Amino acid sequence: MIVHKEAVIRGKVQGVFFRGSTREKAEKLGLVGEVKNLPDGSVWLAVEGEEELVEELIAWCHQGPLRAEVDEVVVNDGNVTGYTNFQVTRY
């Protein structure tokens, strides 16, 4: 079943290649969506795909790339919007 999840990742998550690493992980899993930095220093993620693969990406976000220090991941369900790829966007 295809699902849509959104997450806000807080901590030391900007300037540590979090967005690029998230895109790489999502693409390896065959997921689509977007990831962007937010003005408050957090990262926002929207992801769509098979539920177990989306959950795998969300679980990865709790650690992130090597230099990240994740304090909190807040996840919400959403409506599938039909992303066709995974992209890094700007706020």
PDB file of N, CA and C in Angstrom:
ATOM      1  N   MET A   1       0.846  -1.185   0.000  1.00  0.00           N
ATOM      2  CA  MET A   1       0.000   0.000   0.000  1.00  0.00           C
ATOM      3  C   MET A   1       0.892   1.249   0.000  1.00  0.00           C
ATOM      4  N   ILE A   2       0.580   2.177  -0.874  1.00  0.00           N
ATOM      5  CA  ILE A   2       1.326   3.435  -0.969  1.00  0.00           C
ATOM      6  C   ILE A   2       0.829   4.385   0.123  1.00  0.00           C
ATOM      7  N   VAL A   3       1.776   4.960   0.857  1.00  0.00           N
ATOM      8  CA  VAL A   3       1.440   5.900   1.927  1.00  0.00           C
ATOM      9  C   VAL A   3       2.222   7.196   1.736  1.00  0.00           C
ATOM     10  N   HIS A   4       1.767   8.233   2.418  1.00  0.00           N
ATOM     11  CA  HIS A   4       2.438   9.535   2.440  1.00  0.00           C
ATOM     12  C   HIS A   4       2.694   9.879   3.900  1.00  0.00           C
ATOM     13  N   LYS A   5       3.932  10.197   4.209  1.00  0.00           N
ATOM     14  CA  LYS A   5       4.286  10.627   5.568  1.00  0.00           C
ATOM     15  C   LYS A   5       5.075  11.921   5.462  1.00  0.00           C
ATOM     16  N   GLU A   6       4.904  12.752   6.464  1.00  0.00           N
ATOM     17  CA  GLU A   6       5.693  13.971   6.586  1.00  0.00           C
ATOM     18  C   GLU A   6       6.382  13.941   7.937  1.00  0.00           C
ATOM     19  N   ALA A   7       7.597  14.469   7.975  1.00  0.00           N
ATOM     20  CA  ALA A   7       8.354  14.469   9.221  1.00  0.00           C
ATOM     21  C   ALA A   7       9.120  15.770   9.357  1.00  0.00           C
ATOM     22  N   VAL A   8       9.269  16.215  10.588  1.00  0.00           N
ATOM     23  CA  VAL A   8      10.161  17.320  10.920  1.00  0.00           C
ATOM     24  C   VAL A   8      11.252  16.725  11.795  1.00  0.00           C
ATOM     25  N   ILE A   9      12.493  16.921  11.365  1.00  0.00           N
ATOM     26  CA  ILE A   9      13.645  16.373  12.067  1.00  0.00           C
ATOM     27  C   ILE A   9      14.378  17.533  12.719  1.00  0.00           C
ATOM     28  N   ARG A  10      14.556  17.449  14.042  1.00  0.00           N
ATOM     29  CA  ARG A  10      15.195  18.535  14.790  1.00  0.00           C
ATOM     30  C   ARG A  10      16.508  18.065  15.404  1.00  0.00           C
ATOM     31  N   GLY A  11      17.405  19.011  15.578  1.00  0.00           N
ATOM     32  CA  GLY A  11      18.719  18.746  16.147  1.00  0.00           C
ATOM     33  C   GLY A  11      19.771  19.413  15.277  1.00  0.00           C
ATOM     34  N   LYS A  12      20.965  18.869  15.260  1.00  0.00           N
ATOM     35  CA  LYS A  12      22.009  19.368  14.361  1.00  0.00           C
ATOM     36  C   LYS A  12      21.827  18.646  13.032  1.00  0.00           C
ATOM     37  N   VAL A  13      20.933  19.194  12.206  1.00  0.00           N
ATOM     38  CA  VAL A  13      20.551  18.518  10.967  1.00  0.00           C
ATOM     39  C   VAL A  13      20.754  19.388   9.726  1.00  0.00           C
ATOM     40  N   GLN A  14      21.244  20.601   9.909  1.00  0.00           N
ATOM     41  CA  GLN A  14      21.589  21.440   8.764  1.00  0.00           C
ATOM     42  C   GLN A  14      23.098  21.594   8.722  1.00  0.00           C
ATOM     43  N   GLY A  15      23.643  21.623   7.508  1.00  0.00           N
ATOM     44  CA  GLY A  15      25.078  21.753   7.335  1.00  0.00           C
ATOM     45  C   GLY A  15      25.833  20.448   7.562  1.00  0.00           C
ATOM     46  N   VAL A  16      25.103  19.327   7.570  1.00  0.00           N
ATOM     47  CA  VAL A  16      25.722  18.013   7.796  1.00  0.00           C
ATOM     48  C   VAL A  16      25.348  17.023   6.692  1.00  0.00           C
ATOM     49  N   PHE A  17      24.908  17.542   5.536  1.00  0.00           N
ATOM     50  CA  PHE A  17      24.516  16.735   4.378  1.00  0.00           C
ATOM     51  C   PHE A  17      23.292  15.863   4.677  1.00  0.00           C
ATOM     52  N   PHE A  18      22.399  16.354   5.554  1.00  0.00           N
ATOM     53  CA  PHE A  18      21.200  15.581   5.893  1.00  0.00           C
ATOM     54  C   PHE A  18      20.272  15.445   4.693  1.00  0.00           C
ATOM     55  N   ARG A  19      20.019  16.549   4.001  1.00  0.00           N
ATOM     56  CA  ARG A  19      19.089  16.491   2.866  1.00  0.00           C
ATOM     57  C   ARG A  19      19.615  15.587   1.760  1.00  0.00           C
ATOM     58  N   GLY A  20      20.875  15.760   1.398  1.00  0.00           N
ATOM     59  CA  GLY A  20      21.453  14.943   0.335  1.00  0.00           C
ATOM     60  C   GLY A  20      21.487  13.471   0.693  1.00  0.00           C
ATOM     61  N   SER A  21      21.821  13.176   1.937  1.00  0.00           N
ATOM     62  CA  SER A  21      21.851  11.785   2.396  1.00  0.00           C
ATOM     63  C   SER A  21      20.447  11.187   2.420  1.00  0.00           C
ATOM     64  N   THR A  22      19.462  12.001   2.792  1.00  0.00           N
ATOM     65  CA  THR A  22      18.077  11.535   2.797  1.00  0.00           C
ATOM     66  C   THR A  22      17.634  11.208   1.380  1.00  0.00           C
ATOM     67  N   ARG A  23      17.980  12.068   0.427  1.00  0.00           N
ATOM     68  CA  ARG A  23      17.627  11.796  -0.974  1.00  0.00           C
ATOM     69  C   ARG A  23      18.281  10.500  -1.445  1.00  0.00           C
ATOM     70  N   GLU A  24      19.563  10.309  -1.153  1.00  0.00           N
ATOM     71  CA  GLU A  24      20.259   9.081  -1.566  1.00  0.00           C
ATOM     72  C   GLU A  24      19.584   7.844  -0.987  1.00  0.00           C
ATOM     73  N   LYS A  25      19.255   7.880   0.299  1.00  0.00           N
ATOM     74  CA  LYS A  25      18.604   6.747   0.958  1.00  0.00           C
ATOM     75  C   LYS A  25      17.225   6.502   0.351  1.00  0.00           C
ATOM     76  N   ALA A  26      16.459   7.568   0.135  1.00  0.00           N
ATOM     77  CA  ALA A  26      15.119   7.433  -0.438  1.00  0.00           C
ATOM     78  C   ALA A  26      15.182   6.836  -1.840  1.00  0.00           C
ATOM     79  N   GLU A  27      16.118   7.310  -2.650  1.00  0.00           N
ATOM     80  CA  GLU A  27      16.238   6.793  -4.012  1.00  0.00           C
ATOM     81  C   GLU A  27      16.635   5.322  -4.007  1.00  0.00           C
ATOM     82  N   LYS A  28      17.509   4.913  -3.101  1.00  0.00           N
ATOM     83  CA  LYS A  28      17.883   3.496  -2.993  1.00  0.00           C
ATOM     84  C   LYS A  28      16.679   2.638  -2.625  1.00  0.00           C
ATOM     85  N   LEU A  29      15.771   3.199  -1.842  1.00  0.00           N
ATOM     86  CA  LEU A  29      14.569   2.476  -1.424  1.00  0.00           C
ATOM     87  C   LEU A  29      13.440   2.573  -2.449  1.00  0.00           C
ATOM     88  N   GLY A  30      13.616   3.372  -3.500  1.00  0.00           N
ATOM     89  CA  GLY A  30      12.580   3.542  -4.513  1.00  0.00           C
ATOM     90  C   GLY A  30      11.450   4.450  -4.077  1.00  0.00           C
ATOM     91  N   LEU A  31      11.742   5.390  -3.181  1.00  0.00           N
ATOM     92  CA  LEU A  31      10.727   6.304  -2.663  1.00  0.00           C
ATOM     93  C   LEU A  31      10.761   7.634  -3.403  1.00  0.00           C
ATOM     94  N   VAL A  32       9.662   8.369  -3.328  1.00  0.00           N
ATOM     95  CA  VAL A  32       9.562   9.696  -3.936  1.00  0.00           C
ATOM     96  C   VAL A  32       9.137  10.695  -2.870  1.00  0.00           C
ATOM     97  N   GLY A  33       9.402  11.984  -3.143  1.00  0.00           N
ATOM     98  CA  GLY A  33       9.017  13.026  -2.202  1.00  0.00           C
ATOM     99  C   GLY A  33       9.969  14.188  -2.259  1.00  0.00           C
ATOM    100  N   GLU A  34      10.124  14.873  -1.129  1.00  0.00           N
ATOM    101  CA  GLU A  34      11.039  16.010  -1.068  1.00  0.00           C
ATOM    102  C   GLU A  34      11.532  16.210   0.356  1.00  0.00           C
ATOM    103  N   VAL A  35      12.666  16.897   0.443  1.00  0.00           N
ATOM    104  CA  VAL A  35      13.258  17.221   1.734  1.00  0.00           C
ATOM    105  C   VAL A  35      13.809  18.636   1.641  1.00  0.00           C
ATOM    106  N   LYS A  36      13.630  19.422   2.715  1.00  0.00           N
ATOM    107  CA  LYS A  36      14.149  20.792   2.686  1.00  0.00           C
ATOM    108  C   LYS A  36      14.493  21.262   4.089  1.00  0.00           C
ATOM    109  N   ASN A  37      15.434  22.203   4.156  1.00  0.00           N
ATOM    110  CA  ASN A  37      15.757  22.876   5.411  1.00  0.00           C
ATOM    111  C   ASN A  37      14.650  23.867   5.733  1.00  0.00           C
ATOM    112  N   LEU A  38      14.368  24.032   7.008  1.00  0.00           N
ATOM    113  CA  LEU A  38      13.413  25.035   7.460  1.00  0.00           C
ATOM    114  C   LEU A  38      14.166  26.162   8.159  1.00  0.00           C
ATOM    115  N   PRO A  39      13.583  27.373   8.174  1.00  0.00           N
ATOM    116  CA  PRO A  39      14.265  28.523   8.773  1.00  0.00           C
ATOM    117  C   PRO A  39      14.632  28.336  10.247  1.00  0.00           C
ATOM    118  N   ASP A  40      13.919  27.472  10.964  1.00  0.00           N
ATOM    119  CA  ASP A  40      14.203  27.280  12.394  1.00  0.00           C
ATOM    120  C   ASP A  40      15.357  26.315  12.660  1.00  0.00           C
ATOM    121  N   GLY A  41      16.006  25.819  11.594  1.00  0.00           N
ATOM    122  CA  GLY A  41      17.139  24.914  11.752  1.00  0.00           C
ATOM    123  C   GLY A  41      16.789  23.444  11.643  1.00  0.00           C
ATOM    124  N   SER A  42      15.512  23.144  11.478  1.00  0.00           N
ATOM    125  CA  SER A  42      15.090  21.752  11.330  1.00  0.00           C
ATOM    126  C   SER A  42      15.033  21.378   9.848  1.00  0.00           C
ATOM    127  N   VAL A  43      14.723  20.122   9.586  1.00  0.00           N
ATOM    128  CA  VAL A  43      14.566  19.612   8.223  1.00  0.00           C
ATOM    129  C   VAL A  43      13.163  19.046   8.102  1.00  0.00           C
ATOM    130  N   TRP A  44      12.489  19.346   6.987  1.00  0.00           N
ATOM    131  CA  TRP A  44      11.147  18.835   6.704  1.00  0.00           C
ATOM    132  C   TRP A  44      11.243  17.798   5.601  1.00  0.00           C
ATOM    133  N   LEU A  45      10.529  16.702   5.768  1.00  0.00           N
ATOM    134  CA  LEU A  45      10.533  15.599   4.815  1.00  0.00           C
ATOM    135  C   LEU A  45       9.109  15.225   4.458  1.00  0.00           C
ATOM    136  N   ALA A  46       8.853  15.040   3.174  1.00  0.00           N
ATOM    137  CA  ALA A  46       7.613  14.428   2.698  1.00  0.00           C
ATOM    138  C   ALA A  46       8.040  13.236   1.861  1.00  0.00           C
ATOM    139  N   VAL A  47       7.461  12.080   2.122  1.00  0.00           N
ATOM    140  CA  VAL A  47       7.890  10.867   1.420  1.00  0.00           C
ATOM    141  C   VAL A  47       6.682   9.993   1.108  1.00  0.00           C
ATOM    142  N   GLU A  48       6.726   9.367  -0.071  1.00  0.00           N
ATOM    143  CA  GLU A  48       5.659   8.472  -0.505  1.00  0.00           C
ATOM    144  C   GLU A  48       6.255   7.184  -1.044  1.00  0.00           C
ATOM    145  N   GLY A  49       5.545   6.100  -0.795  1.00  0.00           N
ATOM    146  CA  GLY A  49       5.962   4.799  -1.301  1.00  0.00           C
ATOM    147  C   GLY A  49       5.325   3.695  -0.489  1.00  0.00           C
ATOM    148  N   GLU A  50       5.826   2.475  -0.704  1.00  0.00           N
ATOM    149  CA  GLU A  50       5.330   1.335   0.058  1.00  0.00           C
ATOM    150  C   GLU A  50       5.565   1.582   1.550  1.00  0.00           C
ATOM    151  N   GLU A  51       4.572   1.260   2.352  1.00  0.00           N
ATOM    152  CA  GLU A  51       4.603   1.604   3.775  1.00  0.00           C
ATOM    153  C   GLU A  51       5.864   1.123   4.492  1.00  0.00           C
ATOM    154  N   GLU A  52       6.273  -0.124   4.275  1.00  0.00           N
ATOM    155  CA  GLU A  52       7.442  -0.628   5.009  1.00  0.00           C
ATOM    156  C   GLU A  52       8.717   0.095   4.599  1.00  0.00           C
ATOM    157  N   LEU A  53       8.811   0.534   3.338  1.00  0.00           N
ATOM    158  CA  LEU A  53       9.985   1.273   2.882  1.00  0.00           C
ATOM    159  C   LEU A  53       9.982   2.701   3.417  1.00  0.00           C
ATOM    160  N   VAL A  54       8.809   3.310   3.474  1.00  0.00           N
ATOM    161  CA  VAL A  54       8.686   4.643   4.072  1.00  0.00           C
ATOM    162  C   VAL A  54       9.097   4.579   5.540  1.00  0.00           C
ATOM    163  N   GLU A  55       8.640   3.551   6.244  1.00  0.00           N
ATOM    164  CA  GLU A  55       9.002   3.396   7.658  1.00  0.00           C
ATOM    165  C   GLU A  55      10.508   3.192   7.818  1.00  0.00           C
ATOM    166  N   GLU A  56      11.139   2.510   6.858  1.00  0.00           N
ATOM    167  CA  GLU A  56      12.590   2.321   6.916  1.00  0.00           C
ATOM    168  C   GLU A  56      13.319   3.658   6.790  1.00  0.00           C
ATOM    169  N   LEU A  57      12.839   4.522   5.884  1.00  0.00           N
ATOM    170  CA  LEU A  57      13.459   5.841   5.739  1.00  0.00           C
ATOM    171  C   LEU A  57      13.248   6.679   7.000  1.00  0.00           C
ATOM    172  N   ILE A  58      12.048   6.646   7.544  1.00  0.00           N
ATOM    173  CA  ILE A  58      11.766   7.403   8.770  1.00  0.00           C
ATOM    174  C   ILE A  58      12.668   6.911   9.907  1.00  0.00           C
ATOM    175  N   ALA A  59      12.847   5.609  10.018  1.00  0.00           N
ATOM    176  CA  ALA A  59      13.730   5.060  11.055  1.00  0.00           C
ATOM    177  C   ALA A  59      15.156   5.560  10.850  1.00  0.00           C
ATOM    178  N   TRP A  60      15.612   5.609   9.599  1.00  0.00           N
ATOM    179  CA  TRP A  60      16.953   6.115   9.293  1.00  0.00           C
ATOM    180  C   TRP A  60      17.083   7.577   9.729  1.00  0.00           C
ATOM    181  N   CYS A  61      16.017   8.351   9.579  1.00  0.00           N
ATOM    182  CA  CYS A  61      16.043   9.775   9.939  1.00  0.00           C
ATOM    183  C   CYS A  61      16.308   9.992  11.426  1.00  0.00           C
ATOM    184  N   HIS A  62      16.027   9.015  12.263  1.00  0.00           N
ATOM    185  CA  HIS A  62      16.307   9.149  13.698  1.00  0.00           C
ATOM    186  C   HIS A  62      17.802   9.208  13.982  1.00  0.00           C
ATOM    187  N   GLN A  63      18.609   8.751  13.033  1.00  0.00           N
ATOM    188  CA  GLN A  63      20.064   8.840  13.171  1.00  0.00           C
ATOM    189  C   GLN A  63      20.642   9.794  12.133  1.00  0.00           C
ATOM    190  N   GLY A  64      20.226   9.647  10.881  1.00  0.00           N
ATOM    191  CA  GLY A  64      20.718  10.506   9.812  1.00  0.00           C
ATOM    192  C   GLY A  64      22.153  10.201   9.437  1.00  0.00           C
ATOM    193  N   PRO A  65      22.782  11.116   8.697  1.00  0.00           N
ATOM    194  CA  PRO A  65      24.168  10.908   8.277  1.00  0.00           C
ATOM    195  C   PRO A  65      25.143  11.050   9.447  1.00  0.00           C
ATOM    196  N   LEU A  66      26.378  10.716   9.191  1.00  0.00           N
ATOM    197  CA  LEU A  66      27.407  10.621  10.225  1.00  0.00           C
ATOM    198  C   LEU A  66      27.493  11.839  11.141  1.00  0.00           C
ATOM    199  N   ARG A  67      27.512  13.046  10.592  1.00  0.00           N
ATOM    200  CA  ARG A  67      27.728  14.247  11.409  1.00  0.00           C
ATOM    201  C   ARG A  67      26.455  14.808  12.032  1.00  0.00           C
ATOM    202  N   ALA A  68      25.312  14.246  11.714  1.00  0.00           N
ATOM    203  CA  ALA A  68      24.045  14.736  12.272  1.00  0.00           C
ATOM    204  C   ALA A  68      23.902  14.325  13.732  1.00  0.00           C
ATOM    205  N   GLU A  69      23.185  15.154  14.475  1.00  0.00           N
ATOM    206  CA  GLU A  69      22.810  14.841  15.858  1.00  0.00           C
ATOM    207  C   GLU A  69      21.310  15.075  15.971  1.00  0.00           C
ATOM    208  N   VAL A  70      20.536  14.027  15.762  1.00  0.00           N
ATOM    209  CA  VAL A  70      19.082  14.134  15.739  1.00  0.00           C
ATOM    210  C   VAL A  70      18.544  14.094  17.164  1.00  0.00           C
ATOM    211  N   ASP A  71      17.760  15.122  17.509  1.00  0.00           N
ATOM    212  CA  ASP A  71      17.127  15.199  18.825  1.00  0.00           C
ATOM    213  C   ASP A  71      15.691  14.687  18.801  1.00  0.00           C
ATOM    214  N   GLU A  72      14.991  14.908  17.678  1.00  0.00           N
ATOM    215  CA  GLU A  72      13.564  14.588  17.629  1.00  0.00           C
ATOM    216  C   GLU A  72      13.127  14.411  16.185  1.00  0.00           C
ATOM    217  N   VAL A  73      12.234  13.444  15.968  1.00  0.00           N
ATOM    218  CA  VAL A  73      11.592  13.253  14.668  1.00  0.00           C
ATOM    219  C   VAL A  73      10.095  13.185  14.928  1.00  0.00           C
ATOM    220  N   VAL A  74       9.360  14.144  14.380  1.00  0.00           N
ATOM    221  CA  VAL A  74       7.903  14.193  14.532  1.00  0.00           C
ATOM    222  C   VAL A  74       7.292  13.806  13.191  1.00  0.00           C
ATOM    223  N   VAL A  75       6.501  12.732  13.184  1.00  0.00           N
ATOM    224  CA  VAL A  75       5.964  12.171  11.946  1.00  0.00           C
ATOM    225  C   VAL A  75       4.448  12.310  11.928  1.00  0.00           C
ATOM    226  N   ASN A  76       3.917  12.685  10.760  1.00  0.00           N
ATOM    227  CA  ASN A  76       2.476  12.765  10.549  1.00  0.00           C
ATOM    228  C   ASN A  76       2.113  12.070   9.250  1.00  0.00           C
ATOM    229  N   ASP A  77       0.919  11.478   9.213  1.00  0.00           N
ATOM    230  CA  ASP A  77       0.392  10.901   7.984  1.00  0.00           C
ATOM    231  C   ASP A  77      -0.186  12.012   7.127  1.00  0.00           C
ATOM    232  N   GLY A  78      -0.208  11.789   5.827  1.00  0.00           N
ATOM    233  CA  GLY A  78      -0.794  12.755   4.911  1.00  0.00           C
ATOM    234  C   GLY A  78      -1.437  12.043   3.744  1.00  0.00           C
ATOM    235  N   ASN A  79      -1.956  12.816   2.822  1.00  0.00           N
ATOM    236  CA  ASN A  79      -2.580  12.271   1.624  1.00  0.00           C
ATOM    237  C   ASN A  79      -1.547  12.133   0.522  1.00  0.00           C
ATOM    238  N   VAL A  80      -1.604  11.031  -0.208  1.00  0.00           N
ATOM    239  CA  VAL A  80      -0.685  10.805  -1.320  1.00  0.00           C
ATOM    240  C   VAL A  80      -0.891  11.909  -2.350  1.00  0.00           C
ATOM    241  N   THR A  81       0.204  12.553  -2.745  1.00  0.00           N
ATOM    242  CA  THR A  81       0.121  13.671  -3.688  1.00  0.00           C
ATOM    243  C   THR A  81       0.628  13.321  -5.074  1.00  0.00           C
ATOM    244  N   GLY A  82       1.305  12.193  -5.223  1.00  0.00           N
ATOM    245  CA  GLY A  82       1.754  11.771  -6.545  1.00  0.00           C
ATOM    246  C   GLY A  82       3.112  12.296  -6.958  1.00  0.00           C
ATOM    247  N   TYR A  83       4.039  12.433  -6.017  1.00  0.00           N
ATOM    248  CA  TYR A  83       5.409  12.796  -6.388  1.00  0.00           C
ATOM    249  C   TYR A  83       5.905  11.806  -7.445  1.00  0.00           C
ATOM    250  N   THR A  84       6.772  12.275  -8.332  1.00  0.00           N
ATOM    251  CA  THR A  84       7.324  11.393  -9.364  1.00  0.00           C
ATOM    252  C   THR A  84       8.811  11.125  -9.176  1.00  0.00           C
ATOM    253  N   ASN A  85       9.459  11.873  -8.279  1.00  0.00           N
ATOM    254  CA  ASN A  85      10.877  11.664  -7.979  1.00  0.00           C
ATOM    255  C   ASN A  85      11.132  12.141  -6.553  1.00  0.00           C
ATOM    256  N   PHE A  86      12.384  12.111  -6.150  1.00  0.00           N
ATOM    257  CA  PHE A  86      12.734  12.625  -4.828  1.00  0.00           C
ATOM    258  C   PHE A  86      13.661  13.805  -5.025  1.00  0.00           C
ATOM    259  N   GLN A  87      13.302  14.929  -4.427  1.00  0.00           N
ATOM    260  CA  GLN A  87      14.087  16.139  -4.659  1.00  0.00           C
ATOM    261  C   GLN A  87      14.419  16.877  -3.371  1.00  0.00           C
ATOM    262  N   VAL A  88      15.545  17.566  -3.425  1.00  0.00           N
ATOM    263  CA  VAL A  88      15.944  18.483  -2.364  1.00  0.00           C
ATOM    264  C   VAL A  88      15.452  19.855  -2.787  1.00  0.00           C
ATOM    265  N   THR A  89      14.641  20.501  -1.947  1.00  0.00           N
ATOM    266  CA  THR A  89      14.108  21.824  -2.283  1.00  0.00           C
ATOM    267  C   THR A  89      14.560  22.841  -1.249  1.00  0.00           C
ATOM    268  N   ARG A  90      14.413  24.101  -1.598  1.00  0.00           N
ATOM    269  CA  ARG A  90      14.774  25.194  -0.690  1.00  0.00           C
ATOM    270  C   ARG A  90      13.515  25.730  -0.036  1.00  0.00           C
ATOM    271  N   TYR A  91      13.670  26.282   1.168  1.00  0.00           N
ATOM    272  CA  TYR A  91      12.521  26.895   1.848  1.00  0.00           C
ATOM    273  C   TYR A  91      12.310  28.296   1.361  1.00  0.00           C
TER     274      TYR A  91
END
